[in-house]
Amino acid sequence: MTNPFTGRQAQALRVSDAVTLADLGWTPRLSSTESSATGQPARVTGVTRDRVDGLTPAGPVTLALPGHVSTGDIAVGDWVMFDPEAGRVVTLLERATLLQRRAAGPRAARQLIAANVDTLGIVTSCNDDFNEARLERYLALASAAGCLPLVIITKPDQSDVPDSYRHRAEALSPLVTALVLNAKDPDEIPRLHPWCRDGQTMALLGSSGVGKTTLSNALTGRRDPTQGIRQDDAKGRHTTTARALWRTRPGGWLVDTPGMRELQLTDAGDGIDAVFEDLAELATQCRFSDCQHDGEPGCAIQAAIDAGDLDPARLERWRKLQREDARNSETLAQIRAKDRSLNKLYRDGKARGRHKRGR
């Protein structure tokens, strides 16, 4: 049978046979939400400047957005209801999970990474890219989003003791499952299949050059080019340039993303506490409820440091993420409040105008 689809959507579907809603990741939760919405469901596979690409059981669609919605409000992996006659999105369905960060640059804004992701694959490697502080940041992102975190450690040939990297990752949080695998070995790729089969969705995040494209190609059957890393600092070059949803060989979905050099957390307080659960628990044992853990009498955290049970560097990383999240969340909250005030002012102005014309 000839594949009737072309372009990026054909690659996303990867097969000519029609897919069901369950194949696309549809859940009973979405069925209850759909009952109150009009239109037909589609899963977003790509977002362009003014439209979104999607997949349905009948095939791919390209959809316009209603005037009050921008493409910045839609994430790859979202579910939408659309009007097939108008080719336009009608409703954005409630998300099960949402990966987001503060957008890079001086302007405070939220950037959506992916939606309805079951597992966040955090990709690092057995070289200078491996960094506990960065991993804790990604783990907090996953926990705040509601995703299962999976640390994928590539390039075991670059270390004499590759399993030590797995132990270091697992020591960061009880939430962590970690795997060391060679992304170029096709016999090792099936180890990732349990997280991206039967309609399950996995997203890959990590720095450039750690092997995300190699993993993505192996899981989906694509042949995107890969780039090497600079030998002086183990940093890579961007290969993936846009987020997209791809069908995996075992029947799930993969969100491939560009490499991230900056991941600023926002609205991730619960996720940070989950990753640093040991510190959050210790803090409840301090003598004073407002203890800053800087030498106050009866500080349980400082007692653990003095006893050699807690690395002081971990305390500093916890504090840093808390400060960053509080700062970014406050800034974004101020922007949202200002937008609401401006919208109210605009609506009031329109209402006054209609009232004057009606006189």
Protein backbone atom coordinates (compact mmCIF):
# COMPACT_ATOMS: atom_id res chain seq x y z
CA MET A 1 0.00 0.00 0.00
CA THR A 2 1.27 3.48 -0.85
CA ASN A 3 1.65 5.89 2.02
CA PRO A 4 -0.95 8.66 1.39
CA PHE A 5 0.81 11.19 3.63
CA THR A 6 3.72 13.42 2.73
CA GLY A 7 6.15 15.71 4.52
CA ARG A 8 6.69 15.95 8.26
CA GLN A 9 3.24 14.55 9.10
CA ALA A 10 3.96 11.42 7.06
CA GLN A 11 7.19 10.92 9.00
CA ALA A 12 5.33 11.49 12.25
CA LEU A 13 2.77 8.83 11.36
CA ARG A 14 5.47 6.57 9.90
CA VAL A 15 2.99 3.96 8.69
CA SER A 16 0.29 3.93 6.03
CA ASP A 17 -2.23 2.10 8.22
CA ALA A 18 -4.75 4.33 9.97
CA VAL A 19 -4.24 4.92 13.68
CA THR A 20 -6.93 4.88 16.33
CA LEU A 21 -7.41 7.52 18.99
CA ALA A 22 -5.92 5.07 21.51
CA ASP A 23 -2.88 4.68 19.26
CA LEU A 24 -2.49 8.45 19.38
CA GLY A 25 -2.52 8.45 23.19
CA TRP A 26 -6.22 9.13 23.80
CA THR A 27 -7.31 8.26 27.36
CA PRO A 28 -10.61 7.83 29.22
CA ARG A 29 -9.91 11.17 30.91
CA LEU A 30 -9.97 12.86 27.51
CA SER A 31 -13.20 11.06 26.60
CA SER A 32 -14.95 12.67 29.57
CA THR A 33 -13.58 16.07 28.58
CA GLU A 34 -14.59 15.65 24.93
CA SER A 35 -18.22 15.03 25.84
CA SER A 36 -18.63 18.73 26.63
CA ALA A 37 -16.71 20.01 23.58
CA THR A 38 -17.68 20.34 19.94
CA GLY A 39 -15.71 19.20 16.91
CA GLN A 40 -13.33 16.32 16.24
CA PRO A 41 -10.16 15.46 18.20
CA ALA A 42 -6.61 15.80 16.86
CA ARG A 43 -3.20 15.49 18.49
CA VAL A 44 -0.75 18.31 17.80
CA THR A 45 2.43 17.07 16.09
CA GLY A 46 4.00 20.42 15.24
CA VAL A 47 3.54 24.16 15.79
CA THR A 48 4.40 26.78 13.15
CA ARG A 49 4.17 30.56 13.28
CA ASP A 50 0.42 30.77 12.67
CA ARG A 51 -0.91 27.20 12.44
CA VAL A 52 -0.60 23.77 14.02
CA ASP A 53 -0.14 20.36 12.45
CA GLY A 54 -2.09 17.47 13.91
CA LEU A 55 -2.94 13.81 13.49
CA THR A 56 -6.37 12.18 13.58
CA PRO A 57 -7.55 8.62 12.92
CA ALA A 58 -8.39 9.84 9.40
CA GLY A 59 -4.92 11.26 8.77
CA PRO A 60 -3.00 14.52 9.18
CA VAL A 61 -4.56 17.97 9.38
CA THR A 62 -3.25 21.53 9.34
CA LEU A 63 -5.35 23.84 11.46
CA ALA A 64 -5.77 27.57 11.93
CA LEU A 65 -6.27 28.99 15.41
CA PRO A 66 -9.11 31.15 16.71
CA GLY A 67 -8.30 34.83 17.00
CA HIS A 68 -7.86 34.82 20.79
CA VAL A 69 -5.29 31.98 20.72
CA SER A 70 -1.66 32.22 19.59
CA THR A 71 0.67 29.37 18.67
CA GLY A 72 2.57 30.17 21.88
CA ASP A 73 -0.47 28.81 23.75
CA ILE A 74 -0.23 25.40 22.01
CA ALA A 75 2.38 22.74 22.70
CA VAL A 76 3.44 19.69 20.73
CA GLY A 77 1.50 16.76 22.19
CA ASP A 78 -1.61 18.82 22.97
CA TRP A 79 -5.07 17.52 22.17
CA VAL A 80 -7.48 19.89 20.42
CA MET A 81 -11.03 19.72 19.13
CA PHE A 82 -11.35 21.17 15.63
CA ASP A 83 -14.00 22.08 13.10
CA PRO A 84 -13.27 19.90 10.02
CA GLU A 85 -15.23 22.19 7.70
CA ALA A 86 -13.40 25.36 8.70
CA GLY A 87 -10.05 23.67 9.39
CA ARG A 88 -9.85 25.58 12.66
CA VAL A 89 -9.17 24.69 16.28
CA VAL A 90 -12.27 25.07 18.45
CA THR A 91 -11.05 23.95 21.90
CA LEU A 92 -7.78 23.06 23.61
CA LEU A 93 -8.43 20.03 25.81
CA GLU A 94 -7.15 19.85 29.39
CA ARG A 95 -3.58 18.57 29.64
CA ALA A 96 -2.52 15.62 31.75
CA THR A 97 1.04 16.97 31.96
CA LEU A 98 2.78 20.13 30.75
CA LEU A 99 6.52 20.75 30.40
CA GLN A 100 7.33 24.45 30.48
CA ARG A 101 10.16 26.83 31.29
CA ARG A 102 10.85 30.52 31.44
CA ALA A 103 11.77 31.53 27.91
CA ALA A 104 15.38 32.44 27.25
CA GLY A 105 16.19 36.14 26.98
CA PRO A 106 15.57 39.26 29.04
CA ARG A 107 11.78 39.35 28.63
CA ALA A 108 9.94 37.28 31.23
CA ALA A 109 7.66 34.86 29.41
CA ARG A 110 6.58 31.25 29.71
CA GLN A 111 7.61 28.85 26.95
CA LEU A 112 5.74 25.58 26.47
CA ILE A 113 7.96 22.59 25.70
CA ALA A 114 5.53 19.67 25.33
CA ALA A 115 2.16 18.48 26.63
CA ASN A 116 0.67 15.13 27.61
CA VAL A 117 4.10 13.54 28.03
CA ASP A 118 4.15 10.37 30.14
CA THR A 119 7.95 10.07 30.52
CA LEU A 120 10.64 12.74 30.33
CA GLY A 121 13.83 11.20 28.97
CA ILE A 122 16.66 13.32 30.39
CA VAL A 123 19.65 12.60 28.15
CA THR A 124 23.22 13.13 29.33
CA SER A 125 26.49 11.33 28.67
CA CYS A 126 29.54 9.77 30.32
CA ASN A 127 31.73 12.84 29.88
CA ASP A 128 31.89 16.47 30.94
CA ASP A 129 28.22 16.97 30.04
CA PHE A 130 27.18 14.98 33.14
CA ASN A 131 26.29 17.53 35.79
CA GLU A 132 24.31 16.86 38.99
CA ALA A 133 22.98 20.41 39.24
CA ARG A 134 21.63 20.27 35.68
CA LEU A 135 20.06 16.87 36.26
CA GLU A 136 18.32 18.12 39.42
CA ARG A 137 16.93 21.00 37.36
CA TYR A 138 15.49 18.60 34.75
CA LEU A 139 14.16 16.32 37.48
CA ALA A 140 12.35 19.25 39.10
CA LEU A 141 10.91 20.16 35.68
CA ALA A 142 9.62 16.60 35.22
CA SER A 143 8.12 16.41 38.70
CA ALA A 144 6.41 19.79 38.39
CA ALA A 145 4.96 18.72 35.04
CA GLY A 146 3.71 15.38 36.38
CA CYS A 147 5.99 13.27 34.15
CA LEU A 148 7.95 10.16 35.07
CA PRO A 149 11.69 11.02 34.89
CA LEU A 150 14.06 8.65 33.07
CA VAL A 151 17.77 9.57 33.00
CA ILE A 152 19.39 8.17 29.83
CA ILE A 153 23.19 8.19 30.04
CA THR A 154 24.87 7.74 26.65
CA LYS A 155 28.44 7.28 25.41
CA PRO A 156 29.57 4.62 27.91
CA ASP A 157 32.70 4.12 25.77
CA GLN A 158 33.99 7.50 27.02
CA SER A 159 34.37 6.26 30.60
CA ASP A 160 36.21 3.40 32.27
CA VAL A 161 33.40 3.17 34.86
CA PRO A 162 30.16 4.12 33.05
CA ASP A 163 27.98 2.57 35.74
CA SER A 164 29.29 5.13 38.23
CA TYR A 165 27.31 7.77 36.31
CA ARG A 166 24.12 5.77 36.83
CA HIS A 167 24.79 5.54 40.56
CA ARG A 168 25.40 9.30 40.73
CA ALA A 169 22.12 10.00 38.92
CA GLU A 170 20.09 7.63 41.08
CA ALA A 171 21.56 9.17 44.24
CA LEU A 172 19.98 12.53 43.38
CA SER A 173 16.40 11.51 44.11
CA PRO A 174 14.26 8.43 44.77
CA LEU A 175 12.25 9.53 41.72
CA VAL A 176 15.09 8.61 39.36
CA THR A 177 15.30 5.60 37.08
CA ALA A 178 18.61 5.70 35.18
CA LEU A 179 19.95 3.70 32.24
CA VAL A 180 23.40 3.62 30.69
CA LEU A 181 23.24 2.67 27.02
CA ASN A 182 25.07 3.08 23.73
CA ALA A 183 22.73 5.05 21.48
CA LYS A 184 24.54 3.74 18.40
CA ASP A 185 24.00 0.08 19.29
CA PRO A 186 20.64 -1.08 17.84
CA ASP A 187 20.56 -4.01 20.26
CA GLU A 188 20.37 -1.61 23.23
CA ILE A 189 17.55 0.64 21.94
CA PRO A 190 14.75 -1.81 22.91
CA ARG A 191 15.60 -1.07 26.55
CA LEU A 192 13.74 2.23 26.01
CA HIS A 193 10.64 0.65 24.44
CA PRO A 194 8.64 0.26 27.71
CA TRP A 195 8.45 4.06 27.95
CA CYS A 196 7.28 4.74 24.36
CA ARG A 197 4.95 1.95 23.31
CA ASP A 198 1.17 1.41 23.10
CA GLY A 199 0.26 5.09 22.82
CA GLN A 200 2.69 6.21 25.56
CA THR A 201 4.56 9.46 24.93
CA MET A 202 8.19 10.17 25.83
CA ALA A 203 10.03 13.46 25.37
CA LEU A 204 13.80 13.75 25.07
CA LEU A 205 15.52 16.75 26.68
CA GLY A 206 19.19 17.48 27.19
CA SER A 207 22.16 19.41 25.93
CA SER A 208 23.27 19.36 22.30
CA GLY A 209 25.67 16.59 21.44
CA VAL A 210 24.58 14.00 24.01
CA GLY A 211 22.92 11.70 21.46
CA LYS A 212 19.26 12.77 21.41
CA THR A 213 19.07 12.69 17.61
CA THR A 214 20.75 9.30 17.47
CA LEU A 215 18.25 7.95 20.00
CA SER A 216 15.35 9.59 18.19
CA ASN A 217 16.40 8.11 14.85
CA ALA A 218 16.70 4.65 16.37
CA LEU A 219 13.32 4.84 18.11
CA THR A 220 11.38 6.24 15.14
CA GLY A 221 13.20 4.96 12.06
CA ARG A 222 14.11 8.47 10.90
CA ARG A 223 17.49 9.39 9.44
CA ASP A 224 18.07 12.92 10.65
CA PRO A 225 21.75 13.95 10.49
CA THR A 226 23.76 14.03 13.71
CA GLN A 227 26.58 16.34 14.76
CA GLY A 228 29.68 15.72 16.79
CA ILE A 229 30.84 17.49 19.93
CA ARG A 230 33.69 19.89 20.54
CA GLN A 231 36.52 18.02 22.18
CA ASP A 232 37.56 20.94 24.40
CA ASP A 233 34.34 21.15 26.41
CA ALA A 234 32.16 18.17 25.32
CA LYS A 235 29.45 20.57 24.11
CA GLY A 236 27.51 19.79 20.96
CA ARG A 237 25.90 21.64 18.09
CA HIS A 238 22.15 21.86 17.59
CA THR A 239 20.80 19.17 15.24
CA THR A 240 17.07 19.26 16.00
CA THR A 241 15.74 22.76 15.32
CA ALA A 242 12.04 22.42 16.14
CA ARG A 243 9.86 20.35 18.45
CA ALA A 244 7.84 17.61 16.78
CA LEU A 245 5.87 14.50 17.69
CA TRP A 246 6.99 11.27 15.99
CA ARG A 247 5.62 7.73 15.93
CA THR A 248 7.98 5.21 17.53
CA ARG A 249 8.69 1.71 16.29
CA PRO A 250 7.03 0.05 19.31
CA GLY A 251 3.81 2.05 18.79
CA GLY A 252 4.18 5.06 21.06
CA TRP A 253 5.19 8.68 20.50
CA LEU A 254 8.38 10.67 20.87
CA VAL A 255 8.76 14.42 21.29
CA ASP A 256 12.17 15.43 19.98
CA THR A 257 13.41 18.85 21.08
CA PRO A 258 16.36 21.13 20.28
CA GLY A 259 19.27 21.02 22.73
CA MET A 260 18.83 23.38 25.67
CA ARG A 261 21.67 25.54 26.91
CA GLU A 262 19.41 27.28 29.43
CA LEU A 263 16.55 25.84 31.47
CA GLN A 264 15.01 28.41 33.80
CA LEU A 265 12.37 26.92 36.11
CA THR A 266 9.07 28.63 36.82
CA ASP A 267 6.04 27.46 38.85
CA ALA A 268 8.12 24.41 39.83
CA GLY A 269 8.14 24.70 43.62
CA ASP A 270 6.44 21.34 44.18
CA GLY A 271 8.80 19.68 41.72
CA ILE A 272 11.86 21.10 43.50
CA ASP A 273 10.58 19.85 46.86
CA ALA A 274 9.98 16.40 45.36
CA VAL A 275 13.55 16.16 44.03
CA PHE A 276 14.99 17.45 47.31
CA GLU A 277 12.56 15.48 49.45
CA ASP A 278 15.31 14.61 51.93
CA LEU A 279 16.05 18.28 52.59
CA ALA A 280 12.38 19.25 52.73
CA GLU A 281 11.84 16.53 55.34
CA LEU A 282 14.87 17.62 57.37
CA ALA A 283 13.64 21.22 57.30
CA THR A 284 10.46 20.17 59.12
CA GLN A 285 12.66 19.00 62.01
CA CYS A 286 14.36 22.38 62.53
CA ARG A 287 13.59 24.10 65.85
CA PHE A 288 12.24 27.21 64.11
CA SER A 289 9.69 27.04 61.30
CA ASP A 290 11.36 29.98 59.51
CA CYS A 291 14.87 28.49 59.82
CA GLN A 292 17.18 29.65 57.00
CA HIS A 293 19.66 26.80 57.67
CA ASP A 294 22.51 29.28 58.13
CA GLY A 295 23.61 28.40 61.66
CA GLU A 296 20.42 28.95 63.64
CA PRO A 297 20.22 26.85 66.83
CA GLY A 298 18.40 23.55 66.36
CA CYS A 299 18.83 23.46 62.57
CA ALA A 300 18.37 19.84 61.47
CA ILE A 301 19.96 20.47 58.06
CA GLN A 302 23.14 21.95 59.50
CA ALA A 303 23.27 19.06 61.97
CA ALA A 304 23.15 16.60 59.05
CA ILE A 305 25.98 18.50 57.33
CA ASP A 306 28.07 18.49 60.52
CA ALA A 307 27.50 14.74 60.89
CA GLY A 308 28.69 14.14 57.32
CA ASP A 309 25.25 12.86 56.24
CA LEU A 310 24.54 15.73 53.83
CA ASP A 311 26.72 17.36 51.21
CA PRO A 312 26.59 21.16 51.73
CA ALA A 313 26.74 21.58 47.94
CA ARG A 314 23.34 19.87 47.68
CA LEU A 315 21.89 22.40 50.13
CA GLU A 316 23.23 25.25 47.99
CA ARG A 317 21.75 23.73 44.82
CA TRP A 318 18.36 23.43 46.58
CA ARG A 319 18.49 27.05 47.67
CA LYS A 320 19.51 28.23 44.21
CA LEU A 321 16.59 26.47 42.50
CA GLN A 322 14.15 27.76 45.11
CA ARG A 323 15.34 31.35 44.63
CA GLU A 324 15.22 31.05 40.84
CA ASP A 325 11.75 29.54 40.81
CA ALA A 326 10.40 32.14 43.23
CA ARG A 327 11.88 34.98 41.18
CA ASN A 328 10.65 33.68 37.81
CA SER A 329 7.21 32.71 39.12
CA GLU A 330 6.73 36.13 40.69
CA THR A 331 7.78 37.90 37.50
CA LEU A 332 5.42 35.84 35.34
CA ALA A 333 2.60 36.34 37.85
CA GLN A 334 3.10 40.10 37.64
CA ILE A 335 2.95 39.95 33.84
CA ARG A 336 -0.24 37.87 33.94
CA ALA A 337 -1.82 40.31 36.41
CA LYS A 338 -0.88 43.24 34.17
CA ASP A 339 -2.35 41.46 31.14
CA ARG A 340 -5.59 40.84 33.03
CA SER A 341 -5.75 44.51 34.01
CA LEU A 342 -5.18 45.62 30.42
CA ASN A 343 -7.80 43.20 29.13
CA LYS A 344 -10.30 44.47 31.70
CA LEU A 345 -9.51 48.05 30.72
CA TYR A 346 -10.00 47.15 27.06
CA ARG A 347 -13.34 45.43 27.76
CA ASP A 348 -14.54 48.33 29.91
CA GLY A 349 -13.59 50.77 27.15
CA LYS A 350 -15.55 48.79 24.57
CA ALA A 351 -18.54 48.63 26.90
CA ARG A 352 -18.46 52.40 27.45
CA GLY A 353 -18.26 52.93 23.69
CA ARG A 354 -21.30 50.75 23.08
CA HIS A 355 -23.17 52.58 25.85
CA LYS A 356 -22.45 56.00 24.28
CA ARG A 357 -23.50 54.84 20.83
CA GLY A 358 -26.73 53.48 22.28
CA ARG A 359 -27.76 56.86 23.69
